[in-house]
């Protein structure tokens, strides 16, 4: 079969005759999907544009009778009908729950943001199915685009001084980008497994894919994506358990079990080492508290008990000497605000504390010019400057936990802010358990409850930071169960639970729902629906073939 026949195949009309018009529309559809898939990692504007063009092409193609009767060749089981019903139900719930909403402006804006949740399924699930090679081409293009974006990220990191890790990827949110990497890792695993079915030996392409997977995993560490790393670990664990009975080779079972066990053991050991290192007392913290500096100026010793790097942050502080010495070393004032949102003084105190020294003129003498520059840009701990990525991630989490445990602080703390927002959203849900607060009022109600509780997060633009809680607050248990039941039914009717590649993507999406309002952004909506719809609607080589990571001989 020629290239054109493979990637731009003939399309027949309702009478079974070849149609050039339908073939052109299908070719346009295929090309637009390629660009949409690739733009997930590089451009929100292109994502919006491709969605609009896909919808326009879908309408111009017309052929609605066949689209909504699912009467395509090699699609005898009406793949996609139940999934489309689930997404339509999701949007219908949003519309119905607009009734009674006070803030209709936000409600319609929220529905508009979520149009990809119905537009993409409608176009993909009612269109002529793509064949396996077309789908594989889209996947490779998506993985390749992500790879190019990571290369750009690495270059930016090496060439732009003091670049925050959240800005390494300039195109989309680093969290959304991390989720795209997770999907790419699933696609790589699918490709390698399919390749291994045809050849037991590793070829150059499998080696390249394995190296690319390692590259992506390292990049998740570079952008410090807790969500991405946790999602991959959860996927690996669940998919191993789900597909365990399909691994017939005993040696392969041992290898998979040993690898997964080694990962968990490594995480446990690393966690123990990092926690021990963080809390290991420095010599200064074990000595009786001194009253004055070597220059005779009085120390202040706070009683909040916050520990960082084995030292008490609020002990041995002489603000008078810090102000004097800082003015000699920096053009920034000690009351100026650095990039971390705090003034220089508390950042300087924490940095000196991390060195295990006193916070006075003697401690200032230990700071190099590089340390001064680091403090000016908001680095509050020497580990953040000189430590490896893993150590930085652990120390950030431990300081957040320590500060919250001792002082109740949550603001500007990524993990603690989430806990505060989750607790607040749960309170709002408990006050409106059956039908929620409505599509338009979810943000207003969450913010009002924060203010009523006197939360440190009063005035924030965030609301639940958890998609499950957002649904519960918005629709109550009634709406939530309608959505959950519909998608569960669709998953079973479409047989998606038997398609490991799709199941892995579903797990990634569900994990992302825990820490993010994934469906509150365009990039999140496209990520949640595109691959699942494409894989579900894929043209089958026969009526039983499914896109699988592991071959099932019993099918």
Protein backbone atom coordinates (compact mmCIF):
# COMPACT_ATOMS: atom_id res chain seq x y z
CA UNK A 1 0.00 0.00 0.00
CA UNK A 2 1.39 3.42 -0.97
CA UNK A 3 2.04 6.30 1.41
CA UNK A 4 -1.06 8.14 0.16
CA UNK A 5 -3.30 5.12 0.52
CA UNK A 6 -1.97 4.52 4.05
CA UNK A 7 -2.21 8.04 5.46
CA UNK A 8 -4.88 9.53 3.16
CA UNK A 9 -7.07 6.52 2.34
CA UNK A 10 -10.12 6.41 0.08
CA UNK A 11 -13.45 7.25 1.74
CA UNK A 12 -16.80 5.96 0.52
CA UNK A 13 -20.18 7.66 0.74
CA UNK A 14 -23.45 6.16 1.99
CA UNK A 15 -23.91 4.27 -1.26
CA UNK A 16 -20.47 2.68 -1.04
CA UNK A 17 -19.00 4.84 -3.82
CA UNK A 18 -15.60 6.48 -3.47
CA UNK A 19 -15.93 10.17 -2.67
CA UNK A 20 -13.13 12.63 -3.40
CA UNK A 21 -14.88 15.30 -1.31
CA UNK A 22 -15.06 13.06 1.76
CA UNK A 23 -11.46 11.95 1.21
CA UNK A 24 -10.29 15.58 1.21
CA UNK A 25 -12.22 16.32 4.40
CA UNK A 26 -10.80 13.22 6.06
CA UNK A 27 -7.28 14.25 5.03
CA UNK A 28 -7.84 17.73 6.48
CA UNK A 29 -9.20 16.12 9.65
CA UNK A 30 -6.08 13.95 9.96
CA UNK A 31 -3.70 16.88 9.40
CA UNK A 32 -5.52 19.11 11.91
CA UNK A 33 -5.37 16.34 14.52
CA UNK A 34 -1.60 16.10 13.99
CA UNK A 35 -1.17 19.81 14.67
CA UNK A 36 -3.60 19.73 17.63
CA UNK A 37 -1.74 16.82 19.22
CA UNK A 38 1.62 18.51 18.79
CA UNK A 39 0.42 21.92 19.96
CA UNK A 40 -0.49 20.52 23.39
CA UNK A 41 3.12 21.02 24.47
CA UNK A 42 3.94 24.25 22.66
CA UNK A 43 0.97 26.54 22.05
CA UNK A 44 -2.39 27.27 23.67
CA UNK A 45 -3.21 29.52 20.71
CA UNK A 46 -2.69 26.70 18.21
CA UNK A 47 -4.80 24.37 20.34
CA UNK A 48 -7.69 26.84 20.16
CA UNK A 49 -7.19 27.36 16.44
CA UNK A 50 -7.09 23.66 15.63
CA UNK A 51 -10.26 23.02 17.63
CA UNK A 52 -12.11 25.69 15.65
CA UNK A 53 -10.80 24.40 12.31
CA UNK A 54 -11.70 20.81 13.23
CA UNK A 55 -15.25 21.90 14.04
CA UNK A 56 -15.53 23.87 10.78
CA UNK A 57 -14.21 20.95 8.73
CA UNK A 58 -16.62 18.59 10.54
CA UNK A 59 -19.61 20.79 9.67
CA UNK A 60 -18.53 21.32 6.05
CA UNK A 61 -18.02 17.59 5.61
CA UNK A 62 -21.65 17.13 6.71
CA UNK A 63 -22.65 13.47 6.20
CA UNK A 64 -24.51 13.74 9.51
CA UNK A 65 -26.71 10.67 9.05
CA UNK A 66 -23.69 8.40 8.90
CA UNK A 67 -21.90 10.25 11.69
CA UNK A 68 -24.70 9.84 14.19
CA UNK A 69 -25.54 6.29 13.20
CA UNK A 70 -21.88 5.30 13.45
CA UNK A 71 -22.22 3.49 10.12
CA UNK A 72 -18.55 3.38 9.18
CA UNK A 73 -16.69 0.31 7.88
CA UNK A 74 -14.77 -1.65 10.53
CA UNK A 75 -16.73 0.12 13.26
CA UNK A 76 -19.48 -2.44 13.76
CA UNK A 77 -19.55 -2.04 17.53
CA UNK A 78 -20.26 1.70 17.36
CA UNK A 79 -17.04 2.58 19.16
CA UNK A 80 -17.31 6.02 20.68
CA UNK A 81 -21.10 6.30 21.06
CA UNK A 82 -21.14 5.71 24.80
CA UNK A 83 -18.06 7.86 25.43
CA UNK A 84 -19.65 10.73 23.53
CA UNK A 85 -22.78 10.26 25.63
CA UNK A 86 -20.67 10.58 28.78
CA UNK A 87 -19.08 13.84 27.67
CA UNK A 88 -22.45 15.18 26.56
CA UNK A 89 -23.83 14.32 30.01
CA UNK A 90 -20.94 16.18 31.65
CA UNK A 91 -21.71 19.34 29.70
CA UNK A 92 -25.46 18.89 30.24
CA UNK A 93 -24.90 18.79 34.00
CA UNK A 94 -22.98 22.07 33.74
CA UNK A 95 -25.88 23.62 31.85
CA UNK A 96 -28.62 22.31 34.16
CA UNK A 97 -26.71 23.46 37.24
CA UNK A 98 -26.68 26.99 35.82
CA UNK A 99 -30.28 27.18 37.05
CA UNK A 100 -30.29 29.22 40.22
CA UNK A 101 -26.68 30.41 39.88
CA UNK A 102 -26.28 34.01 40.98
CA UNK A 103 -23.03 34.62 39.08
CA UNK A 104 -24.17 33.67 35.59
CA UNK A 105 -21.23 35.53 34.06
CA UNK A 106 -18.73 33.15 35.59
CA UNK A 107 -20.98 30.18 34.87
CA UNK A 108 -21.10 30.83 31.12
CA UNK A 109 -17.38 31.57 31.12
CA UNK A 110 -16.75 28.22 32.83
CA UNK A 111 -18.88 26.40 30.23
CA UNK A 112 -17.05 28.21 27.43
CA UNK A 113 -13.68 27.08 28.85
CA UNK A 114 -14.88 23.51 28.83
CA UNK A 115 -16.15 23.45 25.24
CA UNK A 116 -13.24 21.14 24.24
CA UNK A 117 -14.86 18.50 26.46
CA UNK A 118 -17.72 18.24 23.99
CA UNK A 119 -16.22 19.66 20.77
CA UNK A 120 -13.31 17.20 20.53
CA UNK A 121 -15.36 14.09 21.42
CA UNK A 122 -18.12 15.16 19.04
CA UNK A 123 -15.74 15.62 16.11
CA UNK A 124 -13.47 12.63 16.78
CA UNK A 125 -16.05 10.07 17.90
CA UNK A 126 -18.46 10.73 15.01
CA UNK A 127 -15.84 11.02 12.26
CA UNK A 128 -14.47 8.34 10.00
CA UNK A 129 -12.02 6.32 12.16
CA UNK A 130 -8.28 6.72 11.74
CA UNK A 131 -6.30 3.61 10.93
CA UNK A 132 -3.50 2.33 13.14
CA UNK A 133 -0.73 3.92 11.08
CA UNK A 134 -2.44 7.31 11.10
CA UNK A 135 -2.89 7.10 14.86
CA UNK A 136 0.72 6.01 15.35
CA UNK A 137 1.89 8.96 13.24
CA UNK A 138 -0.09 11.36 15.46
CA UNK A 139 1.40 9.79 18.58
CA UNK A 140 4.95 10.02 17.23
CA UNK A 141 4.39 13.64 16.27
CA UNK A 142 3.07 14.39 19.76
CA UNK A 143 6.06 12.68 21.42
CA UNK A 144 8.46 14.41 19.04
CA UNK A 145 6.98 17.83 19.75
CA UNK A 146 7.29 17.24 23.48
CA UNK A 147 10.91 16.20 22.98
CA UNK A 148 11.67 19.40 21.06
CA UNK A 149 10.01 21.43 23.83
CA UNK A 150 12.20 19.71 26.45
CA UNK A 151 15.32 20.50 24.42
CA UNK A 152 14.25 24.14 24.33
CA UNK A 153 13.68 23.94 28.08
CA UNK A 154 17.15 22.53 28.71
CA UNK A 155 18.70 25.27 26.53
CA UNK A 156 16.79 27.96 28.40
CA UNK A 157 17.89 26.49 31.72
CA UNK A 158 21.55 26.55 30.69
CA UNK A 159 21.56 29.96 29.00
CA UNK A 160 19.20 32.10 31.11
CA UNK A 161 20.64 33.01 34.48
CA UNK A 162 18.46 32.45 37.54
CA UNK A 163 15.58 31.03 35.49
CA UNK A 164 12.83 29.77 37.85
CA UNK A 165 12.03 26.11 37.30
CA UNK A 166 8.38 26.95 36.61
CA UNK A 167 9.50 29.02 33.59
CA UNK A 168 11.81 26.44 32.02
CA UNK A 169 8.96 25.58 29.64
CA UNK A 170 7.72 28.91 28.23
CA UNK A 171 4.74 27.60 26.28
CA UNK A 172 2.25 26.19 28.79
CA UNK A 173 1.98 25.55 32.52
CA UNK A 174 4.80 23.31 33.77
CA UNK A 175 2.14 21.11 35.41
CA UNK A 176 0.25 20.61 32.14
CA UNK A 177 3.54 19.96 30.37
CA UNK A 178 4.42 17.32 32.96
CA UNK A 179 1.11 15.58 32.28
CA UNK A 180 1.91 15.58 28.56
CA UNK A 181 5.21 13.89 29.38
CA UNK A 182 3.32 11.25 31.37
CA UNK A 183 1.13 10.54 28.34
CA UNK A 184 4.20 10.39 26.10
CA UNK A 185 5.75 7.81 28.42
CA UNK A 186 2.59 5.71 28.11
CA UNK A 187 2.79 5.96 24.31
CA UNK A 188 6.45 4.97 24.37
CA UNK A 189 5.61 1.94 26.51
CA UNK A 190 2.80 1.01 24.11
CA UNK A 191 5.09 1.34 21.09
CA UNK A 192 7.89 -0.73 22.64
CA UNK A 193 5.48 -3.45 23.71
CA UNK A 194 3.92 -3.66 20.26
CA UNK A 195 7.40 -3.71 18.75
CA UNK A 196 8.46 -6.54 21.03
CA UNK A 197 5.52 -8.64 19.86
CA UNK A 198 6.99 -8.66 16.37
CA UNK A 199 10.64 -8.99 17.37
CA UNK A 200 12.17 -10.40 20.54
CA UNK A 201 15.40 -8.49 19.96
CA UNK A 202 15.89 -4.82 20.71
CA UNK A 203 16.41 -2.77 17.56
CA UNK A 204 17.73 0.76 17.24
CA UNK A 205 14.24 2.28 17.41
CA UNK A 206 13.42 0.54 20.68
CA UNK A 207 16.74 1.68 22.13
CA UNK A 208 15.97 5.25 21.02
CA UNK A 209 12.53 5.07 22.65
CA UNK A 210 14.03 3.74 25.89
CA UNK A 211 16.56 6.59 25.97
CA UNK A 212 13.79 9.07 25.24
CA UNK A 213 11.75 7.70 28.17
CA UNK A 214 14.76 8.22 30.46
CA UNK A 215 15.17 11.76 29.07
CA UNK A 216 11.52 12.55 29.87
CA UNK A 217 11.78 11.12 33.40
CA UNK A 218 14.84 13.25 34.11
CA UNK A 219 13.03 16.30 32.76
CA UNK A 220 10.19 15.72 35.22
CA UNK A 221 12.83 16.12 37.93
CA UNK A 222 14.24 19.24 36.25
CA UNK A 223 10.85 20.97 36.36
CA UNK A 224 10.25 19.49 39.83
CA UNK A 225 6.87 18.04 38.92
CA UNK A 226 5.55 16.20 41.96
CA UNK A 227 2.28 15.57 40.11
CA UNK A 228 4.00 14.08 37.07
CA UNK A 229 6.29 11.80 39.06
CA UNK A 230 3.47 10.58 41.30
CA UNK A 231 1.21 10.00 38.27
CA UNK A 232 3.84 7.84 36.54
CA UNK A 233 4.44 5.84 39.71
CA UNK A 234 0.72 5.25 40.22
CA UNK A 235 0.27 4.26 36.57
CA UNK A 236 3.21 1.85 36.71
CA UNK A 237 1.84 0.23 39.87
CA UNK A 238 -1.79 -0.10 38.77
CA UNK A 239 -0.93 -1.27 35.25
CA UNK A 240 1.48 -3.88 36.63
CA UNK A 241 -1.27 -5.26 38.85
CA UNK A 242 -3.91 -5.04 36.12
CA UNK A 243 -1.78 -6.78 33.49
CA UNK A 244 0.03 -9.20 35.79
CA UNK A 245 -1.98 -12.22 34.64
CA UNK A 246 -1.14 -11.42 31.00
CA UNK A 247 2.62 -11.71 31.54
CA UNK A 248 3.09 -15.37 30.67
CA UNK A 249 6.89 -15.52 30.86
CA UNK A 250 7.95 -16.24 34.46
CA UNK A 251 11.27 -14.41 34.04
CA UNK A 252 9.46 -11.35 32.78
CA UNK A 253 7.19 -11.41 35.83
CA UNK A 254 10.21 -11.53 38.13
CA UNK A 255 11.88 -8.68 36.24
CA UNK A 256 8.77 -6.47 36.38
CA UNK A 257 8.16 -7.18 40.07
CA UNK A 258 11.82 -6.61 40.93
CA UNK A 259 11.93 -3.31 39.03
CA UNK A 260 8.79 -1.95 40.66
CA UNK A 261 9.94 -3.11 44.11
CA UNK A 262 13.34 -1.49 43.56
CA UNK A 263 11.64 1.81 42.71
CA UNK A 264 9.59 1.78 45.91
CA UNK A 265 12.61 0.78 48.00
CA UNK A 266 14.67 3.57 46.43
CA UNK A 267 11.92 6.10 47.20
CA UNK A 268 11.67 4.87 50.80
CA UNK A 269 15.44 5.02 51.35
CA UNK A 270 15.70 8.44 49.73
CA UNK A 271 12.86 9.75 51.91
CA UNK A 272 14.47 8.44 55.09
CA UNK A 273 17.85 9.92 54.15
CA UNK A 274 16.36 13.31 53.24
CA UNK A 275 14.22 13.61 56.36
CA UNK A 276 17.17 12.58 58.55
CA UNK A 277 19.42 15.07 56.80
CA UNK A 278 16.87 17.88 57.15
CA UNK A 279 16.34 17.37 60.87
CA UNK A 280 19.88 16.35 61.86
CA UNK A 281 20.88 18.98 64.48
CA UNK A 282 23.79 21.27 63.66
CA UNK A 283 26.26 22.04 66.45
CA UNK A 284 24.84 25.54 67.08
CA UNK A 285 21.33 24.22 67.82
CA UNK A 286 22.61 21.86 70.54
CA UNK A 287 24.37 24.57 72.58
CA UNK A 288 22.87 26.83 75.29
CA UNK A 289 21.43 30.00 73.76
CA UNK A 290 23.82 32.96 73.83
CA UNK A 291 22.46 36.39 74.77
CA UNK A 292 24.64 38.60 72.57
CA UNK A 293 26.80 38.58 69.46
CA UNK A 294 30.59 38.85 69.55
CA UNK A 295 30.04 42.59 69.08
CA UNK A 296 27.87 42.79 72.18
CA UNK A 297 24.55 43.31 70.39
CA UNK A 298 21.55 41.40 71.69
CA UNK A 299 20.21 38.30 69.96
CA UNK A 300 16.53 37.55 69.63
CA UNK A 301 15.49 33.92 70.00
CA UNK A 302 12.01 33.25 68.66
CA UNK A 303 9.89 30.51 70.20
CA UNK A 304 8.04 29.22 67.10
CA UNK A 305 10.35 26.19 66.98
CA UNK A 306 10.56 26.01 63.17
CA UNK A 307 13.51 23.83 62.11
CA UNK A 308 15.28 23.96 58.75
CA UNK A 309 18.53 22.16 57.91
CA UNK A 310 18.81 21.00 61.52
CA UNK A 311 18.80 24.55 62.93
CA UNK A 312 16.12 26.72 64.58
CA UNK A 313 15.28 29.48 62.10
CA UNK A 314 14.25 32.09 64.68
CA UNK A 315 17.25 31.59 67.00
CA UNK A 316 20.40 33.74 67.00
CA UNK A 317 18.95 36.68 65.04
CA UNK A 318 20.55 40.11 65.37
CA UNK A 319 18.59 42.32 62.99
CA UNK A 320 20.74 45.39 63.69
CA UNK A 321 23.92 43.70 62.44
CA UNK A 322 22.14 42.05 59.50
CA UNK A 323 20.83 45.39 58.27
CA UNK A 324 24.23 47.04 58.58
CA UNK A 325 26.19 44.27 56.89
CA UNK A 326 23.63 43.69 54.15
CA UNK A 327 23.79 47.33 53.06
CA UNK A 328 27.52 46.85 52.47
CA UNK A 329 27.04 43.81 50.25
CA UNK A 330 23.98 44.56 48.13
CA UNK A 331 22.30 47.37 46.23
CA UNK A 332 18.90 45.94 47.22
CA UNK A 333 17.38 47.19 50.43
CA UNK A 334 16.76 44.64 53.14
CA UNK A 335 13.05 45.53 53.05
CA UNK A 336 12.83 45.06 49.28
CA UNK A 337 10.80 42.10 48.01
CA UNK A 338 12.61 39.27 46.27
CA UNK A 339 11.25 36.79 43.72
CA UNK A 340 9.85 34.48 46.42
CA UNK A 341 7.31 37.10 47.49
CA UNK A 342 9.06 37.87 50.80
CA UNK A 343 11.38 40.71 51.76
CA UNK A 344 15.14 40.19 51.85
CA UNK A 345 15.35 40.05 55.68
CA UNK A 346 13.49 36.75 56.29
CA UNK A 347 15.13 35.26 53.19
CA UNK A 348 18.55 36.23 54.54
CA UNK A 349 17.74 34.79 57.97
CA UNK A 350 16.71 31.45 56.47
CA UNK A 351 19.75 31.33 54.21
CA UNK A 352 22.15 31.90 57.11
CA UNK A 353 20.19 29.38 59.14
CA UNK A 354 20.74 26.84 56.36
CA UNK A 355 24.48 27.37 56.67
CA UNK A 356 24.22 26.40 60.35
CA UNK A 357 25.54 29.74 61.56
CA UNK A 358 24.30 32.72 63.54
CA UNK A 359 22.26 35.45 61.86
CA UNK A 360 24.58 38.37 62.57
CA UNK A 361 27.72 40.05 61.23
CA UNK A 362 29.75 36.88 61.83
CA UNK A 363 27.33 34.87 59.75
CA UNK A 364 27.33 37.51 57.01
CA UNK A 365 31.09 37.06 56.61
CA UNK A 366 30.47 33.48 55.48
CA UNK A 367 28.38 34.57 52.50
CA UNK A 368 30.05 34.61 49.10
CA UNK A 369 29.06 37.00 46.34
CA UNK A 370 27.16 34.12 44.74
CA UNK A 371 25.24 33.64 48.00
CA UNK A 372 24.30 37.33 48.03
CA UNK A 373 22.99 37.09 44.45
CA UNK A 374 21.02 33.97 45.37
CA UNK A 375 19.39 35.74 48.33
CA UNK A 376 18.54 38.75 46.14
CA UNK A 377 16.62 36.53 43.74
CA UNK A 378 14.72 34.86 46.60
CA UNK A 379 16.67 31.66 47.31
CA UNK A 380 16.10 31.06 51.03
CA UNK A 381 18.26 27.99 51.55
CA UNK A 382 21.76 27.06 50.33
CA UNK A 383 20.32 23.67 49.34
CA UNK A 384 18.15 25.45 46.77
CA UNK A 385 21.31 26.82 45.19
CA UNK A 386 23.87 24.04 45.53
CA UNK A 387 21.81 20.90 46.22
CA UNK A 388 20.65 18.36 43.65
CA UNK A 389 17.07 18.45 42.35
CA UNK A 390 15.83 15.61 44.54
CA UNK A 391 17.19 17.24 47.68
CA UNK A 392 15.64 20.58 46.71
CA UNK A 393 12.22 18.97 46.25
CA UNK A 394 12.36 17.23 49.61
CA UNK A 395 13.66 20.27 51.49
CA UNK A 396 10.93 22.51 50.03
CA UNK A 397 8.22 20.07 51.15
CA UNK A 398 9.76 19.58 54.59
CA UNK A 399 10.05 23.33 55.24
CA UNK A 400 6.44 23.82 54.19
CA UNK A 401 5.34 21.04 56.53
CA UNK A 402 7.52 22.29 59.40
CA UNK A 403 6.30 25.87 59.05
CA UNK A 404 2.67 24.81 58.87
CA UNK A 405 3.05 22.42 61.81
CA UNK A 406 4.57 25.08 64.04
CA UNK A 407 2.94 28.32 62.88
CA UNK A 408 -0.05 27.32 60.74
CA UNK A 409 1.44 29.09 57.70
CA UNK A 410 0.02 28.11 54.31
CA UNK A 411 0.42 31.09 51.97
CA UNK A 412 2.98 30.66 49.17
CA UNK A 413 3.41 27.01 50.21
CA UNK A 414 2.34 24.86 47.26
CA UNK A 415 1.42 21.71 49.19
CA UNK A 416 -0.01 23.44 52.27
CA UNK A 417 -2.08 25.81 50.14
CA UNK A 418 -3.69 22.80 48.54
CA UNK A 419 -4.56 21.31 51.93
CA UNK A 420 -6.12 24.60 52.99
CA UNK A 421 -8.12 24.91 49.77
CA UNK A 422 -9.24 21.27 49.96
CA UNK A 423 -10.47 21.71 53.52
CA UNK A 424 -12.26 24.92 52.57
CA UNK A 425 -13.95 23.33 49.53
CA UNK A 426 -15.04 20.37 51.65
CA UNK A 427 -16.73 22.77 54.08
CA UNK A 428 -18.61 24.42 51.21
CA UNK A 429 -19.68 21.01 49.92
CA UNK A 430 -20.91 19.91 53.35
CA UNK A 431 -23.04 23.04 53.52
CA UNK A 432 -24.57 22.17 50.11
CA UNK A 433 -24.27 18.38 49.92
CA UNK A 434 -27.08 17.34 47.55
CA UNK A 435 -27.05 19.78 44.64
CA UNK A 436 -23.98 21.94 45.31
CA UNK A 437 -23.81 25.68 44.75
CA UNK A 438 -24.28 25.69 40.97
CA UNK A 439 -22.03 26.19 37.96
CA UNK A 440 -21.75 29.94 38.35
CA UNK A 441 -21.22 30.24 42.10
CA UNK A 442 -18.45 27.74 42.87
CA UNK A 443 -15.63 30.31 42.94
CA UNK A 444 -17.63 32.94 44.86
CA UNK A 445 -18.72 30.44 47.53
CA UNK A 446 -15.21 29.07 48.04
CA UNK A 447 -13.73 32.56 48.34
CA UNK A 448 -16.49 33.70 50.69
CA UNK A 449 -15.84 30.72 52.96
CA UNK A 450 -12.11 31.48 53.04
CA UNK A 451 -12.87 35.02 54.16
CA UNK A 452 -15.42 33.86 56.74
CA UNK A 453 -12.84 31.52 58.24
CA UNK A 454 -10.17 34.23 58.30
CA UNK A 455 -7.92 32.07 56.15
CA UNK A 456 -4.47 33.28 55.12
CA UNK A 457 -5.59 32.56 51.55
CA UNK A 458 -8.38 35.12 51.58
CA UNK A 459 -8.18 37.06 48.33
CA UNK A 460 -6.68 34.19 46.35
CA UNK A 461 -7.79 33.54 42.78
CA UNK A 462 -7.81 29.77 43.39
CA UNK A 463 -10.80 27.83 44.62
CA UNK A 464 -10.61 24.05 45.17
CA UNK A 465 -7.38 23.02 43.41
CA UNK A 466 -8.92 19.55 43.15
CA UNK A 467 -11.24 18.53 40.33
CA UNK A 468 -13.21 16.07 42.44
CA UNK A 469 -13.92 18.71 45.08
CA UNK A 470 -14.75 21.27 42.38
CA UNK A 471 -17.41 18.90 41.02
CA UNK A 472 -18.75 18.16 44.51
CA UNK A 473 -18.98 21.84 45.42
CA UNK A 474 -20.53 22.74 42.06
CA UNK A 475 -22.97 19.86 41.54
CA UNK A 476 -23.28 18.23 44.96
CA UNK A 477 -23.38 14.48 45.40
CA UNK A 478 -26.29 14.19 42.92
CA UNK A 479 -24.47 15.80 40.02
CA UNK A 480 -21.18 14.15 40.93
CA UNK A 481 -22.76 10.67 40.90
CA UNK A 482 -24.46 11.36 37.56
CA UNK A 483 -21.10 12.23 36.00
CA UNK A 484 -19.23 9.36 37.68
CA UNK A 485 -21.88 6.77 36.79
CA UNK A 486 -22.09 7.88 33.16
CA UNK A 487 -18.33 7.70 32.60
CA UNK A 488 -18.08 4.37 34.43
CA UNK A 489 -20.82 2.97 32.20
CA UNK A 490 -19.11 4.35 29.08
CA UNK A 491 -15.77 2.86 30.15
CA UNK A 492 -17.32 -0.58 30.42
CA UNK A 493 -19.45 -0.37 27.27
CA UNK A 494 -16.51 0.83 25.19
CA UNK A 495 -14.25 -1.81 26.73
CA UNK A 496 -11.70 0.85 27.68
CA UNK A 497 -10.82 -1.03 30.86
CA UNK A 498 -9.47 -3.78 28.61
CA UNK A 499 -7.24 -1.37 26.65
CA UNK A 500 -4.17 -0.78 28.83
CA UNK A 501 -2.90 2.24 26.88
CA UNK A 502 -6.24 4.04 27.32
CA UNK A 503 -6.59 2.82 30.91
CA UNK A 504 -3.14 4.25 31.71
CA UNK A 505 -4.17 7.64 30.30
CA UNK A 506 -7.38 7.57 32.34
CA UNK A 507 -5.33 6.90 35.48
CA UNK A 508 -3.05 9.86 34.71
CA UNK A 509 -6.08 12.13 34.30
CA UNK A 510 -7.68 10.87 37.52
CA UNK A 511 -4.41 11.34 39.46
CA UNK A 512 -4.09 14.88 38.11
CA UNK A 513 -7.61 15.59 39.42
CA UNK A 514 -6.32 15.17 42.99
CA UNK A 515 -3.86 18.07 42.92
CA UNK A 516 -5.24 20.22 40.09
CA UNK A 517 -8.44 21.62 38.62
CA UNK A 518 -7.39 19.93 35.38
CA UNK A 519 -10.60 20.70 33.51
CA UNK A 520 -10.52 24.42 34.34
CA UNK A 521 -8.08 25.23 31.50
CA UNK A 522 -8.03 24.69 27.74
CA UNK A 523 -4.78 22.70 27.89
CA UNK A 524 -6.18 20.49 30.65
CA UNK A 525 -9.40 19.78 28.74
CA UNK A 526 -7.57 18.88 25.53
CA UNK A 527 -5.19 16.65 27.45
CA UNK A 528 -8.06 14.86 29.18
CA UNK A 529 -10.03 14.00 26.03
CA UNK A 530 -7.92 13.91 22.85
CA UNK A 531 -5.91 10.71 23.24
CA UNK A 532 -8.78 8.78 24.85
CA UNK A 533 -11.16 9.70 22.02
CA UNK A 534 -8.62 8.97 19.26
CA UNK A 535 -7.68 5.57 20.66
CA UNK A 536 -11.29 4.60 21.33
CA UNK A 537 -12.33 5.49 17.78
CA UNK A 538 -9.33 3.88 16.07
CA UNK A 539 -10.17 1.78 13.04
CA UNK A 540 -9.84 -1.89 13.92
CA UNK A 541 -7.89 -4.31 11.77
CA UNK A 542 -10.59 -6.76 12.87
CA UNK A 543 -13.61 -6.51 15.14
CA UNK A 544 -11.76 -7.60 18.27
CA UNK A 545 -8.47 -5.73 18.00
CA UNK A 546 -7.81 -3.13 20.68
CA UNK A 547 -4.90 -0.80 21.27
CA UNK A 548 -3.07 -2.63 24.04
CA UNK A 549 0.16 -2.45 25.93
CA UNK A 550 0.08 -6.18 26.62
CA UNK A 551 -1.22 -8.79 24.18
CA UNK A 552 -4.14 -10.85 25.39
CA UNK A 553 -4.17 -14.25 23.69
CA UNK A 554 -7.66 -14.97 25.00
CA UNK A 555 -9.36 -12.22 23.04
